[in-house]
Amino acid sequence: MIRLEVPTPEAMEALGRRIGGRLRAGDLLVLVGELGAGKTTLARGIGEGMGVRGPITSPTFVLSRVHPPLAGGAPLLHVDAYRLAGPRELDDLDLDFAGSAAVVEWGDGLLDGVAESWLRVEIERPTGDAGAPGATRDAGPGAAGDDEPIAPRIVRIEPHGPRWDAAALEELA
């Protein structure tokens, strides 16, 4: 497992671009974190790194979106499993996990058997004092001016299966 401190939304997108540049069809990433942690920001960077048609936005209300590649490569399958009651509902969506690089937000516990190898990416958003050391102020999307605190995120990337050996994981850091 690797642990990274990601200081800004721009740095989260940059991490996503590094990850996206290494993905291929059949790869699976399970994104875990509270609302507002940065899952969709990471997915946006992944889409940029993969070179897929965007924009990459949260698929909360449509459950999934497929972003085709602009020039070769795999499509990005972006899934938001927040409203799904279990693995059976995910299976009912009949998604092409084998032919896409899949990023599944809120997918913990829903994807057993979907892929031989996958990455679990946990994003921890600090709670508590917005004036804590390391917090910066930035007017992000939907923010009300420069009063919106942006605190660094802790990202833990945990590999499962043979695809993500130590060397491949270190390239993401």
N, C-alpha and C. Protein backbone atom coordinates (compact mmCIF):
# COMPACT_ATOMS: atom_id res chain seq x y z
N MET A 1 0.85 -1.17 0.00
CA MET A 1 0.00 0.00 0.00
C MET A 1 0.89 1.23 0.00
N ILE A 2 0.43 2.28 -0.70
CA ILE A 2 1.13 3.54 -0.61
C ILE A 2 0.19 4.57 0.01
N ARG A 3 0.78 5.54 0.68
CA ARG A 3 0.04 6.61 1.34
C ARG A 3 0.60 7.93 0.84
N LEU A 4 -0.29 8.79 0.37
CA LEU A 4 0.12 10.08 -0.18
C LEU A 4 -0.67 11.19 0.50
N GLU A 5 -0.02 12.34 0.69
CA GLU A 5 -0.76 13.52 1.10
C GLU A 5 -0.94 14.37 -0.15
N VAL A 6 -2.20 14.68 -0.45
CA VAL A 6 -2.54 15.42 -1.66
C VAL A 6 -3.08 16.78 -1.21
N PRO A 7 -2.31 17.86 -1.45
CA PRO A 7 -2.63 19.14 -0.83
C PRO A 7 -3.78 19.93 -1.45
N THR A 8 -4.06 19.74 -2.73
CA THR A 8 -5.06 20.58 -3.41
C THR A 8 -5.87 19.76 -4.40
N PRO A 9 -7.01 20.30 -4.84
CA PRO A 9 -7.76 19.62 -5.91
C PRO A 9 -6.93 19.46 -7.18
N GLU A 10 -6.09 20.43 -7.49
CA GLU A 10 -5.24 20.32 -8.68
C GLU A 10 -4.25 19.16 -8.55
N ALA A 11 -3.73 18.96 -7.35
CA ALA A 11 -2.82 17.84 -7.10
C ALA A 11 -3.57 16.51 -7.17
N MET A 12 -4.85 16.50 -6.76
CA MET A 12 -5.67 15.28 -6.86
C MET A 12 -5.89 14.94 -8.33
N GLU A 13 -6.16 15.94 -9.16
CA GLU A 13 -6.31 15.69 -10.60
C GLU A 13 -5.00 15.19 -11.20
N ALA A 14 -3.88 15.75 -10.76
CA ALA A 14 -2.57 15.31 -11.26
C ALA A 14 -2.32 13.85 -10.89
N LEU A 15 -2.67 13.45 -9.68
CA LEU A 15 -2.56 12.05 -9.28
C LEU A 15 -3.43 11.20 -10.19
N GLY A 16 -4.65 11.66 -10.46
CA GLY A 16 -5.53 10.93 -11.37
C GLY A 16 -4.93 10.78 -12.76
N ARG A 17 -4.27 11.84 -13.26
CA ARG A 17 -3.64 11.74 -14.58
C ARG A 17 -2.54 10.68 -14.58
N ARG A 18 -1.75 10.60 -13.50
CA ARG A 18 -0.70 9.56 -13.42
C ARG A 18 -1.33 8.17 -13.43
N ILE A 19 -2.39 8.00 -12.67
CA ILE A 19 -3.07 6.70 -12.63
C ILE A 19 -3.68 6.39 -14.00
N GLY A 20 -4.41 7.36 -14.55
CA GLY A 20 -5.09 7.15 -15.84
C GLY A 20 -4.14 6.80 -16.97
N GLY A 21 -2.93 7.36 -16.93
CA GLY A 21 -1.96 7.07 -17.97
C GLY A 21 -1.46 5.64 -17.95
N ARG A 22 -1.76 4.90 -16.90
CA ARG A 22 -1.31 3.51 -16.77
C ARG A 22 -2.45 2.49 -16.89
N LEU A 23 -3.66 2.97 -17.07
CA LEU A 23 -4.80 2.05 -17.09
C LEU A 23 -5.04 1.46 -18.47
N ARG A 24 -5.61 0.28 -18.46
CA ARG A 24 -5.96 -0.42 -19.69
C ARG A 24 -7.29 -1.14 -19.48
N ALA A 25 -7.84 -1.67 -20.53
CA ALA A 25 -9.11 -2.41 -20.44
C ALA A 25 -8.98 -3.53 -19.41
N GLY A 26 -9.99 -3.68 -18.58
CA GLY A 26 -10.01 -4.70 -17.54
C GLY A 26 -9.54 -4.20 -16.19
N ASP A 27 -8.92 -3.01 -16.14
CA ASP A 27 -8.49 -2.46 -14.86
C ASP A 27 -9.69 -1.94 -14.09
N LEU A 28 -9.62 -2.07 -12.77
CA LEU A 28 -10.70 -1.65 -11.89
C LEU A 28 -10.13 -0.87 -10.72
N LEU A 29 -10.72 0.29 -10.46
CA LEU A 29 -10.39 1.10 -9.29
C LEU A 29 -11.66 1.29 -8.49
N VAL A 30 -11.59 1.03 -7.20
CA VAL A 30 -12.69 1.25 -6.29
C VAL A 30 -12.33 2.46 -5.45
N LEU A 31 -13.11 3.54 -5.58
CA LEU A 31 -12.84 4.77 -4.86
C LEU A 31 -13.71 4.84 -3.61
N VAL A 32 -13.05 5.08 -2.48
CA VAL A 32 -13.72 5.10 -1.19
C VAL A 32 -13.43 6.44 -0.51
N GLY A 33 -14.44 7.04 0.07
CA GLY A 33 -14.27 8.29 0.80
C GLY A 33 -15.60 8.98 1.01
N GLU A 34 -15.62 9.88 1.98
CA GLU A 34 -16.84 10.60 2.30
C GLU A 34 -17.25 11.52 1.16
N LEU A 35 -18.46 12.04 1.24
CA LEU A 35 -18.90 13.07 0.31
C LEU A 35 -17.92 14.22 0.36
N GLY A 36 -17.52 14.72 -0.79
CA GLY A 36 -16.61 15.85 -0.85
C GLY A 36 -15.15 15.51 -0.63
N ALA A 37 -14.82 14.23 -0.55
CA ALA A 37 -13.43 13.84 -0.30
C ALA A 37 -12.54 14.09 -1.52
N GLY A 38 -13.09 13.98 -2.72
CA GLY A 38 -12.30 14.18 -3.93
C GLY A 38 -12.35 13.02 -4.91
N LYS A 39 -13.32 12.12 -4.75
CA LYS A 39 -13.41 10.96 -5.64
C LYS A 39 -13.63 11.37 -7.10
N THR A 40 -14.56 12.27 -7.33
CA THR A 40 -14.84 12.69 -8.70
C THR A 40 -13.70 13.54 -9.25
N THR A 41 -13.04 14.31 -8.41
CA THR A 41 -11.86 15.07 -8.84
C THR A 41 -10.78 14.12 -9.31
N LEU A 42 -10.55 13.05 -8.56
CA LEU A 42 -9.58 12.03 -8.97
C LEU A 42 -10.02 11.39 -10.29
N ALA A 43 -11.31 11.06 -10.41
CA ALA A 43 -11.83 10.44 -11.64
C ALA A 43 -11.64 11.38 -12.83
N ARG A 44 -11.81 12.68 -12.63
CA ARG A 44 -11.60 13.65 -13.71
C ARG A 44 -10.16 13.57 -14.21
N GLY A 45 -9.21 13.52 -13.29
CA GLY A 45 -7.81 13.38 -13.67
C GLY A 45 -7.54 12.06 -14.37
N ILE A 46 -8.16 10.99 -13.90
CA ILE A 46 -8.00 9.68 -14.54
C ILE A 46 -8.45 9.76 -15.99
N GLY A 47 -9.60 10.38 -16.21
CA GLY A 47 -10.10 10.53 -17.58
C GLY A 47 -9.15 11.32 -18.45
N GLU A 48 -8.56 12.39 -17.90
CA GLU A 48 -7.57 13.17 -18.65
C GLU A 48 -6.35 12.32 -18.98
N GLY A 49 -5.89 11.56 -18.00
CA GLY A 49 -4.72 10.71 -18.21
C GLY A 49 -4.97 9.61 -19.22
N MET A 50 -6.20 9.15 -19.31
CA MET A 50 -6.56 8.12 -20.28
C MET A 50 -6.82 8.70 -21.66
N GLY A 51 -7.05 9.99 -21.74
CA GLY A 51 -7.36 10.61 -23.02
C GLY A 51 -8.74 10.25 -23.52
N VAL A 52 -9.74 10.34 -22.64
CA VAL A 52 -11.11 10.02 -23.04
C VAL A 52 -11.92 11.29 -23.21
N ARG A 53 -13.04 11.14 -23.90
CA ARG A 53 -13.95 12.27 -24.11
C ARG A 53 -14.62 12.61 -22.79
N GLY A 54 -14.68 13.87 -22.48
CA GLY A 54 -15.27 14.35 -21.23
C GLY A 54 -16.50 15.18 -21.51
N PRO A 55 -16.95 15.92 -20.55
CA PRO A 55 -16.33 16.12 -19.25
C PRO A 55 -16.64 14.97 -18.30
N ILE A 56 -15.75 14.78 -17.35
CA ILE A 56 -15.95 13.76 -16.32
C ILE A 56 -16.66 14.44 -15.16
N THR A 57 -17.89 14.04 -14.92
CA THR A 57 -18.67 14.56 -13.81
C THR A 57 -19.22 13.39 -13.01
N SER A 58 -19.73 13.68 -11.85
CA SER A 58 -20.26 12.60 -11.01
C SER A 58 -21.47 11.95 -11.68
N PRO A 59 -21.47 10.63 -11.81
CA PRO A 59 -22.63 9.95 -12.40
C PRO A 59 -23.69 9.57 -11.37
N THR A 60 -23.80 10.34 -10.30
CA THR A 60 -24.70 10.00 -9.20
C THR A 60 -26.12 9.70 -9.67
N PHE A 61 -26.67 10.52 -10.54
CA PHE A 61 -28.07 10.36 -10.91
C PHE A 61 -28.29 9.43 -12.10
N VAL A 62 -27.24 9.14 -12.85
CA VAL A 62 -27.37 8.21 -13.97
C VAL A 62 -26.69 6.87 -13.68
N LEU A 63 -26.01 6.77 -12.57
CA LEU A 63 -25.31 5.59 -12.07
C LEU A 63 -24.02 5.27 -12.81
N SER A 64 -24.00 5.40 -14.13
CA SER A 64 -22.76 5.11 -14.85
C SER A 64 -22.69 5.91 -16.14
N ARG A 65 -21.46 6.19 -16.54
CA ARG A 65 -21.19 6.84 -17.82
C ARG A 65 -20.00 6.14 -18.45
N VAL A 66 -20.04 6.04 -19.76
CA VAL A 66 -18.91 5.52 -20.51
C VAL A 66 -18.32 6.69 -21.29
N HIS A 67 -17.03 6.91 -21.11
CA HIS A 67 -16.31 7.96 -21.82
C HIS A 67 -15.39 7.28 -22.84
N PRO A 68 -15.72 7.41 -24.14
CA PRO A 68 -14.91 6.74 -25.16
C PRO A 68 -13.54 7.38 -25.31
N PRO A 69 -12.55 6.60 -25.74
CA PRO A 69 -11.21 7.16 -25.95
C PRO A 69 -11.21 8.10 -27.14
N LEU A 70 -10.39 9.13 -27.06
CA LEU A 70 -10.27 10.08 -28.17
C LEU A 70 -9.37 9.53 -29.27
N ALA A 71 -8.38 8.71 -28.89
CA ALA A 71 -7.46 8.14 -29.88
C ALA A 71 -6.89 6.85 -29.31
N GLY A 72 -7.48 5.73 -29.65
CA GLY A 72 -6.99 4.44 -29.16
C GLY A 72 -7.22 4.30 -27.67
N GLY A 73 -6.78 3.21 -27.11
CA GLY A 73 -6.93 2.99 -25.68
C GLY A 73 -8.32 2.50 -25.30
N ALA A 74 -8.50 2.33 -24.00
CA ALA A 74 -9.76 1.80 -23.48
C ALA A 74 -10.71 2.94 -23.13
N PRO A 75 -12.00 2.66 -23.18
CA PRO A 75 -12.95 3.64 -22.66
C PRO A 75 -12.89 3.66 -21.13
N LEU A 76 -13.32 4.76 -20.55
CA LEU A 76 -13.43 4.88 -19.09
C LEU A 76 -14.88 4.63 -18.72
N LEU A 77 -15.10 3.65 -17.87
CA LEU A 77 -16.41 3.37 -17.30
C LEU A 77 -16.41 3.99 -15.91
N HIS A 78 -17.23 5.01 -15.71
CA HIS A 78 -17.28 5.73 -14.42
C HIS A 78 -18.63 5.42 -13.78
N VAL A 79 -18.58 4.78 -12.61
CA VAL A 79 -19.79 4.31 -11.94
C VAL A 79 -19.88 4.97 -10.56
N ASP A 80 -21.08 5.38 -10.19
CA ASP A 80 -21.35 5.84 -8.83
C ASP A 80 -22.34 4.86 -8.23
N ALA A 81 -21.86 4.03 -7.31
CA ALA A 81 -22.67 2.97 -6.74
C ALA A 81 -23.36 3.38 -5.44
N TYR A 82 -23.37 4.67 -5.13
CA TYR A 82 -23.91 5.16 -3.87
C TYR A 82 -25.36 4.72 -3.65
N ARG A 83 -26.17 4.78 -4.68
CA ARG A 83 -27.60 4.48 -4.54
C ARG A 83 -27.93 3.00 -4.75
N LEU A 84 -26.92 2.17 -4.99
CA LEU A 84 -27.19 0.75 -5.22
C LEU A 84 -27.27 0.00 -3.89
N ALA A 85 -28.20 -0.92 -3.81
CA ALA A 85 -28.43 -1.66 -2.56
C ALA A 85 -27.49 -2.84 -2.39
N GLY A 86 -26.82 -3.26 -3.45
CA GLY A 86 -25.93 -4.40 -3.31
C GLY A 86 -25.37 -4.85 -4.65
N PRO A 87 -24.56 -5.91 -4.62
CA PRO A 87 -23.91 -6.40 -5.84
C PRO A 87 -24.89 -6.80 -6.94
N ARG A 88 -26.05 -7.31 -6.57
CA ARG A 88 -27.03 -7.73 -7.59
C ARG A 88 -27.49 -6.54 -8.43
N GLU A 89 -27.72 -5.38 -7.78
CA GLU A 89 -28.14 -4.19 -8.54
C GLU A 89 -27.01 -3.71 -9.45
N LEU A 90 -25.76 -3.81 -9.00
CA LEU A 90 -24.64 -3.45 -9.86
C LEU A 90 -24.58 -4.39 -11.06
N ASP A 91 -24.76 -5.68 -10.81
CA ASP A 91 -24.75 -6.67 -11.89
C ASP A 91 -25.88 -6.42 -12.89
N ASP A 92 -27.03 -5.96 -12.40
CA ASP A 92 -28.17 -5.68 -13.27
C ASP A 92 -27.89 -4.56 -14.27
N LEU A 93 -26.90 -3.72 -14.00
CA LEU A 93 -26.57 -2.63 -14.92
C LEU A 93 -25.87 -3.15 -16.18
N ASP A 94 -25.39 -4.40 -16.14
CA ASP A 94 -24.75 -5.05 -17.28
C ASP A 94 -23.62 -4.20 -17.86
N LEU A 95 -22.69 -3.82 -16.99
CA LEU A 95 -21.57 -2.96 -17.38
C LEU A 95 -20.42 -3.79 -17.95
N ASP A 96 -19.68 -3.20 -18.87
CA ASP A 96 -18.56 -3.88 -19.52
C ASP A 96 -17.27 -3.60 -18.75
N PHE A 97 -17.05 -4.34 -17.68
CA PHE A 97 -15.83 -4.16 -16.89
C PHE A 97 -14.61 -4.68 -17.63
N ALA A 98 -14.75 -5.75 -18.40
CA ALA A 98 -13.61 -6.34 -19.10
C ALA A 98 -13.12 -5.46 -20.25
N GLY A 99 -14.01 -4.75 -20.91
CA GLY A 99 -13.63 -3.95 -22.07
C GLY A 99 -13.35 -2.50 -21.76
N SER A 100 -13.38 -2.12 -20.48
CA SER A 100 -13.17 -0.74 -20.06
C SER A 100 -12.20 -0.69 -18.90
N ALA A 101 -11.66 0.49 -18.66
CA ALA A 101 -11.00 0.75 -17.38
C ALA A 101 -12.10 1.34 -16.52
N ALA A 102 -12.41 0.71 -15.41
CA ALA A 102 -13.57 1.09 -14.60
C ALA A 102 -13.13 1.79 -13.31
N VAL A 103 -13.81 2.89 -13.04
CA VAL A 103 -13.64 3.63 -11.79
C VAL A 103 -15.00 3.62 -11.12
N VAL A 104 -15.07 2.99 -9.93
CA VAL A 104 -16.35 2.84 -9.24
C VAL A 104 -16.28 3.58 -7.91
N GLU A 105 -17.04 4.67 -7.82
CA GLU A 105 -17.16 5.40 -6.57
C GLU A 105 -18.17 4.66 -5.69
N TRP A 106 -17.90 4.60 -4.40
CA TRP A 106 -18.77 3.93 -3.41
C TRP A 106 -18.91 2.45 -3.71
N GLY A 107 -17.87 1.81 -4.25
CA GLY A 107 -17.98 0.42 -4.68
C GLY A 107 -17.50 -0.61 -3.68
N ASP A 108 -17.07 -0.18 -2.50
CA ASP A 108 -16.58 -1.14 -1.51
C ASP A 108 -17.61 -2.24 -1.25
N GLY A 109 -17.18 -3.51 -1.39
CA GLY A 109 -18.04 -4.64 -1.09
C GLY A 109 -19.01 -5.02 -2.20
N LEU A 110 -19.00 -4.31 -3.32
CA LEU A 110 -19.95 -4.60 -4.39
C LEU A 110 -19.32 -5.32 -5.58
N LEU A 111 -18.00 -5.44 -5.59
CA LEU A 111 -17.32 -5.85 -6.82
C LEU A 111 -16.57 -7.17 -6.72
N ASP A 112 -16.92 -7.99 -5.75
CA ASP A 112 -16.25 -9.28 -5.61
C ASP A 112 -16.40 -10.09 -6.90
N GLY A 113 -15.28 -10.56 -7.41
CA GLY A 113 -15.29 -11.40 -8.60
C GLY A 113 -15.35 -10.65 -9.92
N VAL A 114 -15.43 -9.32 -9.89
CA VAL A 114 -15.50 -8.55 -11.13
C VAL A 114 -14.16 -8.55 -11.85
N ALA A 115 -13.07 -8.48 -11.10
CA ALA A 115 -11.73 -8.44 -11.70
C ALA A 115 -10.76 -9.24 -10.85
N GLU A 116 -9.76 -9.80 -11.50
CA GLU A 116 -8.72 -10.55 -10.79
C GLU A 116 -7.83 -9.60 -9.98
N SER A 117 -7.61 -8.40 -10.52
CA SER A 117 -6.78 -7.40 -9.88
C SER A 117 -7.52 -6.08 -9.83
N TRP A 118 -7.31 -5.33 -8.80
CA TRP A 118 -7.91 -4.01 -8.71
C TRP A 118 -7.14 -3.16 -7.71
N LEU A 119 -7.42 -1.86 -7.77
CA LEU A 119 -6.87 -0.93 -6.79
C LEU A 119 -8.01 -0.38 -5.95
N ARG A 120 -7.80 -0.38 -4.66
CA ARG A 120 -8.74 0.28 -3.74
C ARG A 120 -8.08 1.60 -3.37
N VAL A 121 -8.76 2.71 -3.69
CA VAL A 121 -8.22 4.04 -3.45
C VAL A 121 -9.11 4.71 -2.42
N GLU A 122 -8.56 4.88 -1.23
CA GLU A 122 -9.30 5.53 -0.15
C GLU A 122 -8.82 6.97 -0.01
N ILE A 123 -9.77 7.89 -0.02
CA ILE A 123 -9.45 9.31 0.13
C ILE A 123 -10.03 9.78 1.45
N GLU A 124 -9.16 10.24 2.31
CA GLU A 124 -9.58 10.70 3.62
C GLU A 124 -9.59 12.22 3.65
N ARG A 125 -10.73 12.77 3.94
CA ARG A 125 -10.89 14.22 4.06
C ARG A 125 -10.85 14.57 5.54
N PRO A 126 -9.92 15.46 5.94
CA PRO A 126 -9.86 15.82 7.35
C PRO A 126 -11.15 16.49 7.81
N THR A 127 -11.47 16.26 9.05
CA THR A 127 -12.63 16.93 9.64
C THR A 127 -12.13 17.73 10.83
N GLY A 128 -12.91 18.71 11.23
CA GLY A 128 -12.51 19.51 12.39
C GLY A 128 -12.08 20.89 11.98
N ASP A 129 -11.05 21.40 12.62
CA ASP A 129 -10.62 22.79 12.49
C ASP A 129 -10.11 23.09 11.08
N ALA A 130 -10.85 23.99 10.39
CA ALA A 130 -10.44 24.39 9.03
C ALA A 130 -9.18 25.23 9.06
N GLY A 131 -8.82 25.75 10.21
CA GLY A 131 -7.61 26.55 10.31
C GLY A 131 -6.40 25.73 10.70
N ALA A 132 -6.52 24.42 10.60
CA ALA A 132 -5.41 23.54 10.99
C ALA A 132 -4.21 23.75 10.09
N PRO A 133 -3.01 23.44 10.57
CA PRO A 133 -1.82 23.58 9.74
C PRO A 133 -1.98 22.79 8.45
N GLY A 134 -1.56 23.39 7.35
CA GLY A 134 -1.64 22.72 6.05
C GLY A 134 -2.90 23.05 5.28
N ALA A 135 -3.92 23.62 5.96
CA ALA A 135 -5.14 23.98 5.26
C ALA A 135 -4.90 25.26 4.47
N THR A 136 -5.45 25.29 3.28
CA THR A 136 -5.35 26.49 2.45
C THR A 136 -6.75 26.94 2.11
N ARG A 137 -6.86 28.11 1.56
CA ARG A 137 -8.17 28.61 1.15
C ARG A 137 -8.18 28.69 -0.37
N ASP A 138 -9.25 28.20 -0.95
CA ASP A 138 -9.34 28.15 -2.39
C ASP A 138 -10.82 28.15 -2.76
N ALA A 139 -11.18 28.95 -3.73
CA ALA A 139 -12.57 28.97 -4.20
C ALA A 139 -12.73 27.88 -5.25
N GLY A 140 -13.16 26.72 -4.82
CA GLY A 140 -13.36 25.60 -5.74
C GLY A 140 -14.75 25.65 -6.33
N PRO A 141 -15.12 24.66 -7.12
CA PRO A 141 -16.45 24.64 -7.73
C PRO A 141 -17.53 24.73 -6.66
N GLY A 142 -18.44 25.66 -6.81
CA GLY A 142 -19.54 25.80 -5.87
C GLY A 142 -19.19 26.54 -4.60
N ALA A 143 -17.94 26.98 -4.47
CA ALA A 143 -17.53 27.68 -3.26
C ALA A 143 -18.05 29.11 -3.27
N ALA A 144 -18.26 29.63 -2.09
CA ALA A 144 -18.74 31.01 -1.95
C ALA A 144 -17.55 31.92 -1.72
N GLY A 145 -16.80 32.19 -2.80
CA GLY A 145 -15.65 33.08 -2.66
C GLY A 145 -14.44 32.37 -2.09
N ASP A 146 -13.55 33.15 -1.47
CA ASP A 146 -12.31 32.56 -0.97
C ASP A 146 -12.40 32.16 0.49
N ASP A 147 -13.61 32.01 1.02
CA ASP A 147 -13.79 31.60 2.41
C ASP A 147 -13.86 30.09 2.56
N GLU A 148 -13.78 29.36 1.46
CA GLU A 148 -13.93 27.92 1.49
C GLU A 148 -12.59 27.25 1.81
N PRO A 149 -12.46 26.58 2.95
CA PRO A 149 -11.18 25.93 3.27
C PRO A 149 -10.96 24.67 2.44
N ILE A 150 -9.74 24.50 1.98
CA ILE A 150 -9.35 23.29 1.28
C ILE A 150 -8.21 22.68 2.08
N ALA A 151 -8.45 21.53 2.64
CA ALA A 151 -7.44 20.86 3.45
C ALA A 151 -6.84 19.72 2.66
N PRO A 152 -5.60 19.39 2.92
CA PRO A 152 -4.98 18.25 2.23
C PRO A 152 -5.76 16.96 2.47
N ARG A 153 -5.74 16.10 1.48
CA ARG A 153 -6.37 14.77 1.59
C ARG A 153 -5.27 13.73 1.79
N ILE A 154 -5.60 12.69 2.48
CA ILE A 154 -4.72 11.52 2.59
C ILE A 154 -5.29 10.46 1.65
N VAL A 155 -4.46 9.99 0.74
CA VAL A 155 -4.88 8.98 -0.24
C VAL A 155 -4.08 7.71 0.03
N ARG A 156 -4.81 6.62 0.20
CA ARG A 156 -4.19 5.31 0.38
C ARG A 156 -4.57 4.45 -0.82
N ILE A 157 -3.56 3.94 -1.50
CA ILE A 157 -3.80 3.09 -2.67
C ILE A 157 -3.35 1.68 -2.31
N GLU A 158 -4.31 0.78 -2.30
CA GLU A 158 -4.06 -0.60 -1.89
C GLU A 158 -4.29 -1.54 -3.07
N PRO A 159 -3.24 -2.25 -3.49
CA PRO A 159 -3.38 -3.16 -4.63
C PRO A 159 -3.95 -4.52 -4.21
N HIS A 160 -4.68 -5.11 -5.12
CA HIS A 160 -5.20 -6.47 -4.95
C HIS A 160 -4.95 -7.21 -6.25
N GLY A 161 -4.35 -8.39 -6.17
CA GLY A 161 -4.12 -9.20 -7.36
C GLY A 161 -2.78 -8.92 -8.02
N PRO A 162 -2.45 -9.71 -9.04
CA PRO A 162 -1.12 -9.68 -9.64
C PRO A 162 -0.82 -8.47 -10.53
N ARG A 163 -1.81 -7.76 -11.02
CA ARG A 163 -1.58 -6.64 -11.95
C ARG A 163 -0.77 -5.52 -11.32
N TRP A 164 -1.00 -5.23 -10.06
CA TRP A 164 -0.41 -4.08 -9.41
C TRP A 164 0.69 -4.52 -8.45
N ASP A 165 1.86 -4.84 -9.01
CA ASP A 165 2.99 -5.18 -8.16
C ASP A 165 3.59 -3.91 -7.56
N ALA A 166 4.61 -4.08 -6.73
CA ALA A 166 5.21 -2.95 -6.01
C ALA A 166 5.75 -1.89 -6.96
N ALA A 167 6.36 -2.30 -8.06
CA ALA A 167 6.94 -1.34 -9.01
C ALA A 167 5.84 -0.52 -9.69
N ALA A 168 4.76 -1.17 -10.11
CA ALA A 168 3.65 -0.46 -10.75
C ALA A 168 2.99 0.50 -9.78
N LEU A 169 2.89 0.11 -8.53
CA LEU A 169 2.28 0.96 -7.52
C LEU A 169 3.14 2.17 -7.22
N GLU A 170 4.44 1.98 -7.15
CA GLU A 170 5.36 3.10 -6.87
C GLU A 170 5.33 4.13 -7.98
N GLU A 171 5.07 3.72 -9.22
CA GLU A 171 4.98 4.67 -10.34
C GLU A 171 3.82 5.64 -10.15
N LEU A 172 2.84 5.27 -9.36
CA LEU A 172 1.69 6.15 -9.15
C LEU A 172 1.97 7.26 -8.14
N ALA A 173 2.96 7.04 -7.30
CA ALA A 173 3.23 8.00 -6.21
C ALA A 173 3.85 9.27 -6.64
